[in-house]
């Protein structure tokens, strides 16, 4: 009878230790995932900002090119009038 009680106590303590270890590991893993997700979100926000800046620049280049053409034409007209 004593051996059964000893086995049950040992098994119970082993079970408690295992549950505590798994629970602790799970909490650490969740914290690491949250940190990684926060870093990923920050990087995505920064990339989105850079893409918006690039898109704005890409939209403005044709306008600038047209303005340069107009300026060059005006200069040519002024030079031809002298």
N, C-alpha and C. Protein backbone atom coordinates (compact mmCIF):
# COMPACT_ATOMS: atom_id res chain seq x y z
N UNK A 1 0.81 -1.19 0.00
CA UNK A 1 0.00 0.00 0.00
C UNK A 1 0.86 1.26 0.00
N UNK A 2 1.97 1.19 0.74
CA UNK A 2 2.87 2.35 0.81
C UNK A 2 3.48 2.66 -0.55
N UNK A 3 3.76 1.62 -1.32
CA UNK A 3 4.37 1.84 -2.64
C UNK A 3 3.37 2.53 -3.59
N UNK A 4 2.10 2.21 -3.45
CA UNK A 4 1.08 2.84 -4.28
C UNK A 4 0.97 4.32 -3.92
N UNK A 5 0.94 4.61 -2.62
CA UNK A 5 0.86 6.00 -2.18
C UNK A 5 2.09 6.77 -2.64
N UNK A 6 3.28 6.18 -2.51
CA UNK A 6 4.51 6.82 -2.95
C UNK A 6 4.48 7.09 -4.45
N UNK A 7 3.98 6.12 -5.20
CA UNK A 7 3.89 6.29 -6.66
C UNK A 7 2.91 7.40 -7.01
N UNK A 8 1.77 7.47 -6.32
CA UNK A 8 0.79 8.51 -6.58
C UNK A 8 1.34 9.90 -6.22
N UNK A 9 2.03 10.00 -5.10
CA UNK A 9 2.62 11.28 -4.70
C UNK A 9 3.68 11.70 -5.72
N UNK A 10 4.54 10.77 -6.10
CA UNK A 10 5.58 11.08 -7.08
C UNK A 10 4.96 11.47 -8.42
N UNK A 11 3.95 10.74 -8.83
CA UNK A 11 3.27 11.06 -10.09
C UNK A 11 2.59 12.42 -10.03
N UNK A 12 1.96 12.71 -8.91
CA UNK A 12 1.29 14.01 -8.74
C UNK A 12 2.29 15.16 -8.78
N UNK A 13 3.41 14.99 -8.08
CA UNK A 13 4.43 16.05 -8.09
C UNK A 13 5.03 16.22 -9.48
N UNK A 14 5.24 15.11 -10.18
CA UNK A 14 5.76 15.18 -11.55
C UNK A 14 4.77 15.91 -12.45
N UNK A 15 3.50 15.61 -12.30
CA UNK A 15 2.46 16.26 -13.10
C UNK A 15 2.43 17.76 -12.82
N UNK A 16 2.50 18.16 -11.56
CA UNK A 16 2.50 19.58 -11.20
C UNK A 16 3.73 20.28 -11.79
N UNK A 17 4.88 19.66 -11.70
CA UNK A 17 6.11 20.22 -12.27
C UNK A 17 6.00 20.39 -13.77
N UNK A 18 5.45 19.40 -14.44
CA UNK A 18 5.30 19.46 -15.89
C UNK A 18 4.33 20.57 -16.29
N UNK A 19 3.22 20.67 -15.59
CA UNK A 19 2.23 21.71 -15.90
C UNK A 19 2.84 23.10 -15.71
N UNK A 20 3.59 23.30 -14.61
CA UNK A 20 4.21 24.60 -14.36
C UNK A 20 5.25 24.93 -15.43
N UNK A 21 6.03 23.94 -15.83
CA UNK A 21 7.07 24.16 -16.86
C UNK A 21 6.44 24.52 -18.20
N UNK A 22 5.41 23.79 -18.59
CA UNK A 22 4.75 24.06 -19.86
C UNK A 22 4.08 25.43 -19.84
N UNK A 23 3.45 25.77 -18.74
CA UNK A 23 2.77 27.06 -18.61
C UNK A 23 3.79 28.21 -18.71
N UNK A 24 4.90 28.07 -18.04
CA UNK A 24 5.95 29.09 -18.08
C UNK A 24 6.51 29.24 -19.49
N UNK A 25 6.77 28.12 -20.14
CA UNK A 25 7.28 28.15 -21.52
C UNK A 25 6.30 28.80 -22.47
N UNK A 26 5.03 28.54 -22.27
CA UNK A 26 4.01 29.12 -23.13
C UNK A 26 3.95 30.63 -22.96
N UNK A 27 4.06 31.11 -21.74
CA UNK A 27 4.04 32.55 -21.49
C UNK A 27 5.23 33.23 -22.15
N UNK A 28 6.41 32.61 -22.05
CA UNK A 28 7.60 33.19 -22.67
C UNK A 28 7.46 33.22 -24.19
N UNK A 29 6.90 32.16 -24.75
CA UNK A 29 6.70 32.10 -26.19
C UNK A 29 5.72 33.16 -26.64
N UNK A 30 4.65 33.37 -25.90
CA UNK A 30 3.67 34.40 -26.24
C UNK A 30 4.29 35.78 -26.19
N UNK A 31 5.15 36.04 -25.21
CA UNK A 31 5.81 37.34 -25.10
C UNK A 31 6.74 37.56 -26.30
N UNK A 32 7.46 36.53 -26.69
CA UNK A 32 8.35 36.65 -27.84
C UNK A 32 7.56 36.91 -29.12
N UNK A 33 6.43 36.24 -29.26
CA UNK A 33 5.59 36.46 -30.44
C UNK A 33 5.02 37.87 -30.46
N UNK A 34 4.62 38.38 -29.32
CA UNK A 34 4.09 39.74 -29.25
C UNK A 34 5.16 40.75 -29.62
N UNK A 35 6.38 40.53 -29.13
CA UNK A 35 7.48 41.42 -29.47
C UNK A 35 7.78 41.37 -30.96
N UNK A 36 7.84 40.18 -31.51
CA UNK A 36 8.10 40.03 -32.94
C UNK A 36 7.00 40.68 -33.77
N UNK A 37 5.76 40.54 -33.34
CA UNK A 37 4.63 41.15 -34.07
C UNK A 37 4.71 42.67 -34.02
N UNK A 38 5.11 43.21 -32.86
CA UNK A 38 5.24 44.67 -32.74
C UNK A 38 6.34 45.19 -33.66
N UNK A 39 7.45 44.47 -33.74
CA UNK A 39 8.54 44.87 -34.64
C UNK A 39 8.08 44.79 -36.09
N UNK A 40 7.38 43.73 -36.44
CA UNK A 40 6.88 43.57 -37.81
C UNK A 40 5.91 44.69 -38.16
N UNK A 41 5.01 45.01 -37.24
CA UNK A 41 4.05 46.10 -37.48
C UNK A 41 4.77 47.42 -37.70
N UNK A 42 5.81 47.68 -36.90
CA UNK A 42 6.57 48.91 -37.04
C UNK A 42 7.27 48.97 -38.40
N UNK A 43 7.85 47.86 -38.82
CA UNK A 43 8.53 47.81 -40.12
C UNK A 43 7.53 48.01 -41.26
N UNK A 44 6.37 47.41 -41.15
CA UNK A 44 5.35 47.57 -42.19
C UNK A 44 4.89 49.03 -42.27
N UNK A 45 4.72 49.66 -41.12
CA UNK A 45 4.33 51.07 -41.11
C UNK A 45 5.39 51.94 -41.78
N UNK A 46 6.65 51.68 -41.49
CA UNK A 46 7.75 52.45 -42.08
C UNK A 46 7.81 52.23 -43.59
N UNK A 47 7.67 50.98 -44.02
CA UNK A 47 7.68 50.69 -45.46
C UNK A 47 6.50 51.35 -46.16
N UNK A 48 5.35 51.34 -45.53
CA UNK A 48 4.17 51.99 -46.10
C UNK A 48 4.43 53.48 -46.27
N UNK A 49 5.03 54.09 -45.27
CA UNK A 49 5.36 55.52 -45.35
C UNK A 49 6.32 55.79 -46.51
N UNK A 50 7.34 54.95 -46.64
CA UNK A 50 8.31 55.13 -47.72
C UNK A 50 7.67 54.95 -49.09
N UNK A 51 6.78 53.98 -49.21
CA UNK A 51 6.10 53.75 -50.49
C UNK A 51 5.23 54.94 -50.84
N UNK A 52 4.55 55.50 -49.86
CA UNK A 52 3.72 56.68 -50.12
C UNK A 52 4.57 57.85 -50.58
N UNK A 53 5.73 58.04 -49.95
CA UNK A 53 6.63 59.11 -50.38
C UNK A 53 7.10 58.87 -51.81
N UNK A 54 7.44 57.63 -52.10
CA UNK A 54 7.90 57.29 -53.45
C UNK A 54 6.78 57.51 -54.48
N UNK A 55 5.59 57.08 -54.15
CA UNK A 55 4.46 57.26 -55.07
C UNK A 55 4.19 58.74 -55.33
N UNK A 56 4.27 59.54 -54.28
CA UNK A 56 4.07 60.97 -54.45
C UNK A 56 5.13 61.54 -55.38
N UNK A 57 6.37 61.11 -55.20
CA UNK A 57 7.46 61.57 -56.07
C UNK A 57 7.22 61.10 -57.50
N UNK A 58 6.81 59.86 -57.66
CA UNK A 58 6.57 59.31 -59.00
C UNK A 58 5.44 60.06 -59.70
N UNK A 59 4.46 60.55 -58.98
CA UNK A 59 3.37 61.31 -59.57
C UNK A 59 3.82 62.71 -59.95
N UNK A 60 4.78 63.25 -59.20
CA UNK A 60 5.21 64.62 -59.45
C UNK A 60 6.22 64.73 -60.57
N UNK A 61 6.97 63.67 -60.88
CA UNK A 61 8.00 63.73 -61.91
C UNK A 61 7.43 64.12 -63.28
N UNK A 62 6.35 63.52 -63.75
CA UNK A 62 5.82 63.95 -65.05
C UNK A 62 5.42 65.43 -65.06
N UNK A 63 4.90 65.93 -63.95
CA UNK A 63 4.53 67.34 -63.87
C UNK A 63 5.78 68.21 -63.99
N UNK A 64 6.83 67.81 -63.29
CA UNK A 64 8.09 68.55 -63.35
C UNK A 64 8.67 68.50 -64.77
N UNK A 65 8.61 67.34 -65.39
CA UNK A 65 9.12 67.22 -66.75
C UNK A 65 8.36 68.15 -67.70
N UNK A 66 7.06 68.23 -67.55
CA UNK A 66 6.27 69.12 -68.40
C UNK A 66 6.64 70.58 -68.14
N UNK A 67 6.84 70.93 -66.88
CA UNK A 67 7.24 72.29 -66.56
C UNK A 67 8.60 72.62 -67.16
N UNK A 68 9.52 71.68 -67.14
CA UNK A 68 10.84 71.90 -67.73
C UNK A 68 10.71 72.11 -69.24
N UNK A 69 9.84 71.35 -69.89
CA UNK A 69 9.62 71.53 -71.32
C UNK A 69 9.11 72.95 -71.62
N UNK A 70 8.15 73.40 -70.81
CA UNK A 70 7.59 74.74 -71.00
C UNK A 70 8.67 75.79 -70.78
N UNK A 71 9.46 75.63 -69.75
CA UNK A 71 10.54 76.58 -69.45
C UNK A 71 11.55 76.60 -70.59
N UNK A 72 11.93 75.42 -71.08
CA UNK A 72 12.88 75.35 -72.19
C UNK A 72 12.31 76.04 -73.44
N UNK A 73 11.04 75.85 -73.69
CA UNK A 73 10.40 76.48 -74.85
C UNK A 73 10.41 78.01 -74.71
N UNK A 74 10.11 78.48 -73.50
CA UNK A 74 10.12 79.93 -73.26
C UNK A 74 11.53 80.50 -73.43
N UNK A 75 12.52 79.79 -72.93
CA UNK A 75 13.91 80.24 -73.08
C UNK A 75 14.28 80.29 -74.56
N UNK A 76 13.89 79.26 -75.28
CA UNK A 76 14.19 79.24 -76.72
C UNK A 76 13.52 80.40 -77.43
N UNK A 77 12.28 80.72 -77.06
CA UNK A 77 11.57 81.85 -77.64
C UNK A 77 12.28 83.17 -77.32
N UNK A 78 12.72 83.29 -76.08
CA UNK A 78 13.41 84.53 -75.69
C UNK A 78 14.75 84.67 -76.41
N UNK A 79 15.46 83.58 -76.54
CA UNK A 79 16.75 83.62 -77.24
C UNK A 79 16.56 83.90 -78.73
N UNK A 80 15.49 83.38 -79.30
CA UNK A 80 15.22 83.62 -80.71
C UNK A 80 14.78 85.04 -80.99
N UNK A 81 14.20 85.72 -80.01
CA UNK A 81 13.71 87.07 -80.19
C UNK A 81 14.81 88.11 -80.13
N UNK A 82 15.97 87.79 -79.66
CA UNK A 82 17.06 88.78 -79.52
C UNK A 82 17.70 89.12 -80.80
